[in-house]
Amino acid sequence: MRILEAESGILSDKERKNLAILETVKRSGPISKADVSKITKLNIVTVSNYVNDFVEKGLIIEKGLDVSSGGRRPTMIELNPKAFYVIGIDLAVNKIIGVLTDLDAKVIAKEKAPRPKDNAEAVVNTIVDIISKLIKTPDVDSKKIHGICIGASGVIDREAGTVRCTEGIASIYVPINSMIDQKFGIPAFIEHDATAAAYGEWSIGLGTEARVMLYMYSGVGCGIIINGEIYRGVSGTAGEVSLKELLDYSSHWANNSLMLKPWDLNLGIPDEAKEAFLKQGDSKIFKEINSDLSKVTTDVIFKAAKENDKLAVELLEKAGERLGVRISFLVNLLNPGVVVVGGGIEQAGPPLIDAVKRMIKTCCFEEMAEAVKIIPARLGEDSVAVGAASLVVRDVFAQA
């Protein structure tokens, strides 16, 4: 069975209709065929023919009768989430998370392990170990596992299945997708982590009413969804939102480019906290860690901010302003309806999110600023893994 995401992403007419109908049933079921027809704008005969086929394949269940508005009472239909299962993997900088979900993206099982830093073989072995455990989940028929998607940080080659890392960790120049396919006999593909997370958030309904949705993966990447389709660009690497570290930022002309310099996942927040230690050593941040600066983390700062620590709140507000400027460029360029802030930084809460919103109002043109909603990610640390699983569900639907 071919994996759509490993190819051009161009769908046939049948695949598009499959997706439209099954996504509608997934989101709105129980639902009548007539209502599916209205939502998808496909004629009722087409919908009926496709639905009948899906019922035979076990993807859709007929469930009782709806109240009649005159004439025969319509049969209600809903998705059968247990028809197939999928696996999503988050190959992050510091950890690897794997989830097994049903077709509703409900997590059935989850495995998590630290990411080996300096050995690509060890990284692949950890992924294989996680998948092995997920496949053995009780009461799940492994033959029903349709596919595996790996959402990876770094610069990926989706066709070759390789990952070039830029965070001081080992790159993977072996075809992960082919190795997993051969190992388990399950089709596998690889995707950008921000793109996977974007699709995951979109699939649970955050951006479904918006024609354009962006997922800001902290300050290091962006996933783009346009009309329900993933936008990858010509070379498949769209979504980078920083300039390469080649400029002399001390030069006069480059000062205004500082907001587009490469950042880390933490937006530099822990480093700024350490710099503030001498002036504000009485902050709850430092009391929490007994002034051991090696223990300064975003989690410590987030906790202090929730306790209204002045320094912690200031750090998060400044980080939100920097992130807000970066997002503003994208809002002015793409005019999205929704921007989801994720990648872990959304856990900072109101101080950061509100600062992002303020910068949108300040930096964006009025028409764009009024049209966009800024929303924290809802899937937490599972966003990439569940998003990757959701991309496999998309394949199940398209190829039904």
Protein backbone atom coordinates (compact mmCIF):
# COMPACT_ATOMS: atom_id res chain seq x y z
CA MET A 1 0.00 0.00 0.00
CA ARG A 2 1.54 3.32 -1.07
CA ILE A 3 2.05 6.16 1.36
CA LEU A 4 0.67 9.42 0.00
CA GLU A 5 2.88 11.61 2.14
CA ALA A 6 6.01 10.02 0.71
CA GLU A 7 5.04 11.11 -2.78
CA SER A 8 3.99 14.38 -4.36
CA GLY A 9 0.95 14.84 -2.15
CA ILE A 10 -1.23 15.32 -5.24
CA LEU A 11 -4.46 13.41 -4.74
CA SER A 12 -6.68 11.83 -7.35
CA ASP A 13 -10.33 12.81 -7.59
CA LYS A 14 -11.38 9.63 -5.79
CA GLU A 15 -8.85 10.20 -3.00
CA ARG A 16 -10.09 13.74 -2.47
CA LYS A 17 -13.70 12.55 -2.24
CA ASN A 18 -12.68 9.77 0.15
CA LEU A 19 -10.96 12.30 2.39
CA ALA A 20 -13.81 14.81 2.26
CA ILE A 21 -16.47 12.26 3.18
CA LEU A 22 -14.55 10.37 5.85
CA GLU A 23 -13.19 13.55 7.49
CA THR A 24 -16.74 14.92 7.64
CA VAL A 25 -18.08 11.73 9.20
CA LYS A 26 -15.17 11.70 11.65
CA ARG A 27 -15.76 15.28 12.78
CA SER A 28 -19.57 15.39 12.71
CA GLY A 29 -20.78 11.84 13.18
CA PRO A 30 -23.33 10.51 13.85
CA ILE A 31 -24.49 12.31 10.72
CA SER A 32 -26.86 11.63 7.84
CA LYS A 33 -25.73 11.18 4.25
CA ALA A 34 -27.75 14.25 3.30
CA ASP A 35 -25.79 16.37 5.78
CA VAL A 36 -22.50 14.90 4.54
CA SER A 37 -23.58 15.96 1.05
CA LYS A 38 -24.28 19.51 2.23
CA ILE A 39 -20.95 19.86 4.05
CA THR A 40 -18.78 18.33 1.31
CA LYS A 41 -20.78 19.84 -1.55
CA LEU A 42 -20.82 16.41 -3.22
CA ASN A 43 -24.13 15.24 -4.66
CA ILE A 44 -26.14 12.81 -2.57
CA VAL A 45 -25.80 9.93 -5.06
CA THR A 46 -22.00 10.18 -4.91
CA VAL A 47 -22.03 10.34 -1.12
CA SER A 48 -24.35 7.33 -0.89
CA ASN A 49 -22.20 5.24 -3.21
CA TYR A 50 -19.00 6.07 -1.33
CA VAL A 51 -20.59 5.53 2.07
CA ASN A 52 -21.95 2.15 1.05
CA ASP A 53 -18.45 1.14 0.02
CA PHE A 54 -17.02 2.39 3.34
CA VAL A 55 -19.64 0.39 5.25
CA GLU A 56 -18.60 -2.78 3.40
CA LYS A 57 -14.97 -2.10 4.27
CA GLY A 58 -15.81 -1.55 7.93
CA LEU A 59 -14.74 2.11 8.01
CA ILE A 60 -18.24 3.44 8.61
CA ILE A 61 -20.98 2.11 10.88
CA GLU A 62 -24.67 2.68 10.31
CA LYS A 63 -26.22 3.75 13.59
CA GLY A 64 -29.96 4.11 14.00
CA LEU A 65 -32.30 6.61 12.38
CA ASP A 66 -32.49 10.38 12.63
CA VAL A 67 -35.66 12.34 13.30
CA SER A 68 -37.53 12.80 10.04
CA SER A 69 -38.44 16.21 8.67
CA GLY A 70 -40.90 14.48 6.35
CA GLY A 71 -40.66 11.22 4.45
CA ARG A 72 -38.31 8.37 5.36
CA ARG A 73 -36.16 8.78 8.44
CA PRO A 74 -32.50 9.04 7.36
CA THR A 75 -29.95 6.48 8.55
CA MET A 76 -27.20 7.96 10.71
CA ILE A 77 -23.58 7.02 10.06
CA GLU A 78 -20.38 7.35 12.06
CA LEU A 79 -16.72 6.40 11.78
CA ASN A 80 -15.56 3.03 13.04
CA PRO A 81 -12.37 4.16 14.82
CA LYS A 82 -11.21 0.58 15.44
CA ALA A 83 -11.16 -0.36 11.75
CA PHE A 84 -7.43 0.43 11.62
CA TYR A 85 -4.66 1.64 13.90
CA VAL A 86 -1.70 3.90 13.20
CA ILE A 87 1.61 4.81 14.84
CA GLY A 88 3.09 8.29 15.19
CA ILE A 89 6.65 9.00 16.35
CA ASP A 90 8.07 12.29 17.62
CA LEU A 91 11.82 12.34 16.97
CA ALA A 92 12.58 15.42 19.04
CA VAL A 93 15.88 16.99 20.11
CA ASN A 94 15.87 15.52 23.62
CA LYS A 95 13.33 12.71 23.52
CA ILE A 96 11.49 10.22 21.34
CA ILE A 97 7.76 9.71 21.87
CA GLY A 98 5.67 7.06 20.16
CA VAL A 99 1.88 6.69 20.17
CA LEU A 100 -0.51 4.08 18.83
CA THR A 101 -3.88 5.61 17.97
CA ASP A 102 -7.16 4.60 16.39
CA LEU A 103 -8.72 6.45 13.45
CA ASP A 104 -10.10 9.10 15.82
CA ALA A 105 -6.50 9.87 16.84
CA LYS A 106 -7.33 8.57 20.31
CA VAL A 107 -4.11 7.45 21.98
CA ILE A 108 -4.32 3.73 22.82
CA ALA A 109 -0.71 3.31 23.94
CA LYS A 110 2.31 5.57 24.44
CA GLU A 111 6.04 4.96 24.81
CA LYS A 112 8.75 7.50 25.60
CA ALA A 113 12.55 7.40 25.80
CA PRO A 114 15.49 9.86 25.87
CA ARG A 115 17.02 10.53 22.45
CA PRO A 116 20.62 9.28 22.17
CA LYS A 117 22.78 12.31 21.34
CA ASP A 118 25.84 11.23 19.44
CA ASN A 119 24.97 7.96 17.72
CA ALA A 120 22.57 7.71 14.78
CA GLU A 121 22.40 3.94 15.07
CA ALA A 122 21.32 4.24 18.70
CA VAL A 123 18.57 6.69 17.66
CA VAL A 124 17.23 4.28 15.05
CA ASN A 125 17.38 1.39 17.54
CA THR A 126 15.41 3.44 20.08
CA ILE A 127 12.72 4.17 17.49
CA VAL A 128 12.55 0.48 16.57
CA ASP A 129 12.27 -0.47 20.25
CA ILE A 130 9.40 1.98 20.78
CA ILE A 131 7.54 0.71 17.71
CA SER A 132 8.06 -2.90 18.83
CA LYS A 133 6.40 -2.13 22.17
CA LEU A 134 3.51 -0.27 20.56
CA ILE A 135 2.82 -3.12 18.14
CA LYS A 136 2.46 -5.48 21.10
CA THR A 137 -0.28 -3.37 22.71
CA PRO A 138 -2.89 -5.75 24.22
CA ASP A 139 -6.20 -6.13 22.37
CA VAL A 140 -4.82 -4.50 19.20
CA ASP A 141 -4.49 -6.64 16.07
CA SER A 142 -1.06 -5.74 14.66
CA LYS A 143 -2.33 -6.64 11.18
CA LYS A 144 -4.65 -3.63 11.41
CA ILE A 145 -1.76 -1.17 11.87
CA HIS A 146 -1.88 0.72 8.59
CA GLY A 147 1.30 2.80 8.72
CA ILE A 148 3.93 4.69 10.70
CA CYS A 149 4.91 8.35 10.45
CA ILE A 150 7.96 9.91 12.10
CA GLY A 151 7.82 13.64 12.81
CA ALA A 152 11.46 14.71 13.02
CA SER A 153 13.28 17.87 14.06
CA GLY A 154 16.02 19.05 11.72
CA VAL A 155 16.22 19.24 7.94
CA ILE A 156 14.59 16.15 6.50
CA ASP A 157 14.65 14.51 3.10
CA ARG A 158 11.21 12.93 2.97
CA GLU A 159 11.97 10.85 -0.09
CA ALA A 160 15.29 9.48 1.17
CA GLY A 161 14.08 9.20 4.78
CA THR A 162 17.09 11.01 6.26
CA VAL A 163 17.46 13.79 8.83
CA ARG A 164 20.18 16.44 9.02
CA CYS A 165 20.24 17.82 12.54
CA THR A 166 21.35 21.32 13.49
CA GLU A 167 21.14 21.13 17.29
CA GLY A 168 24.51 19.54 18.02
CA ILE A 169 23.05 16.03 17.85
CA ALA A 170 23.76 13.20 15.45
CA SER A 171 22.24 13.43 11.98
CA ILE A 172 20.66 10.31 10.50
CA TYR A 173 21.85 9.57 6.99
CA VAL A 174 20.26 6.15 6.72
CA PRO A 175 16.73 5.68 5.29
CA ILE A 176 14.69 5.38 8.47
CA ASN A 177 11.44 4.82 6.58
CA SER A 178 12.82 1.91 4.52
CA MET A 179 14.45 0.31 7.56
CA ILE A 180 11.20 0.40 9.54
CA ASP A 181 9.20 -0.90 6.59
CA GLN A 182 11.59 -3.85 6.21
CA LYS A 183 11.71 -4.51 9.95
CA PHE A 184 7.96 -4.54 10.62
CA GLY A 185 6.36 -4.90 7.20
CA ILE A 186 4.43 -1.69 7.83
CA PRO A 187 4.70 1.30 5.43
CA ALA A 188 6.56 4.21 7.03
CA PHE A 189 7.36 7.79 6.10
CA ILE A 190 9.00 10.83 7.63
CA GLU A 191 7.71 14.37 8.08
CA HIS A 192 8.82 17.69 9.59
CA ASP A 193 7.88 17.92 13.26
CA ALA A 194 6.22 21.33 12.85
CA THR A 195 4.18 20.07 9.89
CA ALA A 196 3.09 16.96 11.80
CA ALA A 197 2.13 19.04 14.83
CA ALA A 198 0.24 21.49 12.61
CA TYR A 199 -1.79 18.72 11.03
CA GLY A 200 -2.45 17.18 14.44
CA GLU A 201 -3.86 20.41 15.84
CA TRP A 202 -5.85 21.01 12.66
CA SER A 203 -7.28 17.50 12.73
CA ILE A 204 -8.70 17.95 16.25
CA GLY A 205 -10.58 20.99 15.06
CA LEU A 206 -8.48 24.02 15.97
CA GLY A 207 -8.17 25.36 12.46
CA THR A 208 -10.87 23.55 10.52
CA GLU A 209 -12.96 26.71 10.16
CA ALA A 210 -9.96 28.69 8.89
CA ARG A 211 -8.74 28.49 5.31
CA VAL A 212 -5.17 29.10 6.49
CA MET A 213 -3.74 27.79 9.77
CA LEU A 214 -0.17 28.15 11.00
CA TYR A 215 1.50 26.14 13.76
CA MET A 216 4.44 27.98 15.32
CA TYR A 217 6.79 25.35 16.74
CA SER A 218 8.32 27.56 19.42
CA GLY A 219 10.56 29.93 17.44
CA VAL A 220 12.28 27.38 15.24
CA GLY A 221 9.77 26.26 12.63
CA CYS A 222 6.29 26.65 11.24
CA GLY A 223 3.73 24.20 9.91
CA ILE A 224 1.36 25.55 7.27
CA ILE A 225 -2.14 24.25 6.49
CA ILE A 226 -4.03 25.81 3.56
CA ASN A 227 -7.59 24.69 2.82
CA GLY A 228 -6.97 21.50 4.79
CA GLU A 229 -3.85 20.68 2.75
CA ILE A 230 -0.27 20.74 3.99
CA TYR A 231 1.93 23.34 2.31
CA ARG A 232 5.52 22.12 1.94
CA GLY A 233 6.98 24.33 -0.79
CA VAL A 234 8.94 23.32 -3.88
CA SER A 235 11.67 21.36 -2.09
CA GLY A 236 9.44 20.17 0.73
CA THR A 237 11.16 22.32 3.35
CA ALA A 238 8.79 25.28 3.73
CA GLY A 239 8.30 26.61 7.25
CA GLU A 240 11.74 27.87 8.26
CA VAL A 241 11.21 31.22 9.96
CA SER A 242 14.76 32.35 10.66
CA LEU A 243 17.76 33.53 8.70
CA LYS A 244 20.92 31.43 8.58
CA GLU A 245 23.53 32.47 11.18
CA LEU A 246 25.69 34.29 8.64
CA LEU A 247 25.06 37.96 9.44
CA ASP A 248 27.14 40.18 11.67
CA TYR A 249 24.37 41.31 13.96
CA SER A 250 26.55 44.07 15.41
CA SER A 251 26.48 45.92 12.10
CA HIS A 252 24.10 48.87 11.88
CA TRP A 253 22.01 47.62 8.96
CA ALA A 254 21.44 44.20 10.49
CA ASN A 255 20.09 45.39 13.86
CA ASN A 256 16.51 45.09 12.67
CA SER A 257 17.12 41.48 11.65
CA LEU A 258 17.68 40.30 15.21
CA MET A 259 14.15 38.96 15.51
CA LEU A 260 14.84 36.59 12.60
CA LYS A 261 18.08 35.09 13.92
CA PRO A 262 18.02 31.34 14.67
CA TRP A 263 16.70 30.50 18.15
CA ASP A 264 16.50 27.36 20.22
CA LEU A 265 13.31 25.69 21.39
CA ASN A 266 13.34 27.68 24.64
CA LEU A 267 13.54 31.09 22.92
CA GLY A 268 16.66 31.84 24.96
CA ILE A 269 14.59 32.22 28.15
CA PRO A 270 16.86 30.16 30.49
CA ASP A 271 19.95 32.06 29.30
CA GLU A 272 18.29 35.40 30.01
CA ALA A 273 17.33 34.16 33.46
CA LYS A 274 20.96 33.32 34.21
CA GLU A 275 22.06 36.77 33.07
CA ALA A 276 19.56 38.33 35.47
CA PHE A 277 20.81 36.37 38.48
CA LEU A 278 23.21 39.01 39.83
CA LYS A 279 20.54 41.72 39.80
CA GLN A 280 17.52 39.66 40.83
CA GLY A 281 18.92 36.76 42.81
CA ASP A 282 15.92 36.80 45.14
CA SER A 283 13.61 35.59 42.36
CA LYS A 284 11.62 32.40 43.00
CA ILE A 285 13.43 30.99 39.95
CA PHE A 286 16.71 30.84 41.86
CA LYS A 287 15.20 29.90 45.21
CA GLU A 288 13.63 26.85 43.52
CA ILE A 289 17.07 25.62 42.39
CA ASN A 290 19.12 26.87 45.38
CA SER A 291 20.95 29.31 43.09
CA ASP A 292 22.43 26.46 41.02
CA LEU A 293 22.27 28.12 37.59
CA SER A 294 22.89 24.81 35.82
CA LYS A 295 19.36 23.84 36.89
CA VAL A 296 17.62 26.82 35.29
CA THR A 297 15.02 25.43 32.87
CA THR A 298 11.88 26.71 31.26
CA ASP A 299 9.83 24.48 33.58
CA VAL A 300 11.32 26.23 36.61
CA ILE A 301 10.62 29.62 35.05
CA PHE A 302 7.08 28.65 34.05
CA LYS A 303 6.36 27.54 37.61
CA ALA A 304 7.71 30.78 39.07
CA ALA A 305 5.61 32.82 36.63
CA LYS A 306 2.46 31.01 37.75
CA GLU A 307 3.37 32.13 41.27
CA ASN A 308 3.55 35.72 39.97
CA ASP A 309 7.32 36.01 40.28
CA LYS A 310 8.25 39.36 38.73
CA LEU A 311 11.40 38.24 36.92
CA ALA A 312 9.77 35.08 35.52
CA VAL A 313 6.80 37.03 34.19
CA GLU A 314 9.11 39.64 32.62
CA LEU A 315 11.21 36.95 30.93
CA LEU A 316 8.14 35.30 29.42
CA GLU A 317 6.68 38.60 28.29
CA LYS A 318 9.92 39.56 26.52
CA ALA A 319 10.10 36.13 24.89
CA GLY A 320 6.49 36.50 23.79
CA GLU A 321 7.30 39.87 22.25
CA ARG A 322 10.20 38.40 20.27
CA LEU A 323 8.07 35.47 19.15
CA GLY A 324 5.22 37.84 18.35
CA VAL A 325 7.39 39.82 15.94
CA ARG A 326 8.33 36.62 14.12
CA ILE A 327 4.71 35.52 13.93
CA SER A 328 3.71 39.00 12.74
CA PHE A 329 5.82 38.59 9.61
CA LEU A 330 3.93 35.38 8.85
CA VAL A 331 0.53 36.90 9.62
CA ASN A 332 1.17 39.83 7.28
CA LEU A 333 2.46 37.47 4.59
CA LEU A 334 -0.14 34.68 4.75
CA ASN A 335 -3.17 36.30 6.41
CA PRO A 336 -4.06 33.15 8.44
CA GLY A 337 -7.27 32.68 10.40
CA VAL A 338 -5.52 30.80 13.20
CA VAL A 339 -1.97 30.66 14.54
CA VAL A 340 -1.31 27.87 17.03
CA VAL A 341 1.63 28.42 19.37
CA GLY A 342 3.23 25.11 20.38
CA GLY A 343 6.43 23.15 20.66
CA GLY A 344 6.28 23.29 24.46
CA ILE A 345 6.58 27.06 24.76
CA GLU A 346 2.79 27.38 25.03
CA GLN A 347 3.10 26.02 28.58
CA ALA A 348 4.35 29.47 29.58
CA GLY A 349 0.71 30.47 29.62
CA PRO A 350 -0.81 33.98 29.53
CA PRO A 351 2.39 36.05 30.03
CA LEU A 352 3.84 34.74 26.76
CA ILE A 353 0.63 34.23 24.76
CA ASP A 354 -0.74 37.67 25.68
CA ALA A 355 2.57 39.27 24.70
CA VAL A 356 2.37 37.54 21.31
CA LYS A 357 -1.15 38.92 20.84
CA ARG A 358 0.02 42.45 21.74
CA MET A 359 2.78 42.30 19.16
CA ILE A 360 0.34 41.09 16.51
CA LYS A 361 -1.78 44.19 17.13
CA THR A 362 1.33 46.39 17.04
CA CYS A 363 3.18 44.90 14.07
CA CYS A 364 0.47 43.58 11.78
CA PHE A 365 -1.73 45.53 9.45
CA GLU A 366 -5.17 46.04 10.94
CA GLU A 367 -6.98 43.77 8.47
CA MET A 368 -4.63 40.84 9.21
CA ALA A 369 -4.53 41.45 12.97
CA GLU A 370 -8.32 41.44 13.29
CA ALA A 371 -8.70 38.26 11.23
CA VAL A 372 -6.28 36.03 13.15
CA LYS A 373 -6.77 34.08 16.38
CA ILE A 374 -3.71 33.19 18.48
CA ILE A 375 -4.29 29.87 20.27
CA PRO A 376 -2.00 27.74 22.48
CA ALA A 377 -1.54 24.15 21.28
CA ARG A 378 -3.86 21.63 22.91
CA LEU A 379 -1.99 18.37 22.39
CA GLY A 380 0.93 19.16 24.71
CA GLU A 381 4.01 16.99 24.41
CA ASP A 382 2.09 14.56 22.20
CA SER A 383 1.45 17.14 19.47
CA VAL A 384 4.06 15.84 17.01
CA ALA A 385 3.41 12.14 17.68
CA VAL A 386 -0.38 12.49 17.45
CA GLY A 387 0.03 14.75 14.42
CA ALA A 388 2.21 12.15 12.74
CA ALA A 389 -0.41 9.50 13.50
CA SER A 390 -3.09 11.80 12.06
CA LEU A 391 -1.14 12.00 8.80
CA VAL A 392 -1.31 8.21 8.55
CA VAL A 393 -5.06 8.37 9.23
CA ARG A 394 -5.24 10.77 6.28
CA ASP A 395 -3.68 8.06 4.13
CA VAL A 396 -6.18 5.49 5.41
CA PHE A 397 -9.05 7.77 4.44
CA ALA A 398 -7.65 8.75 1.04
CA GLN A 399 -6.95 5.17 0.02
CA ALA A 400 -10.15 3.67 1.40
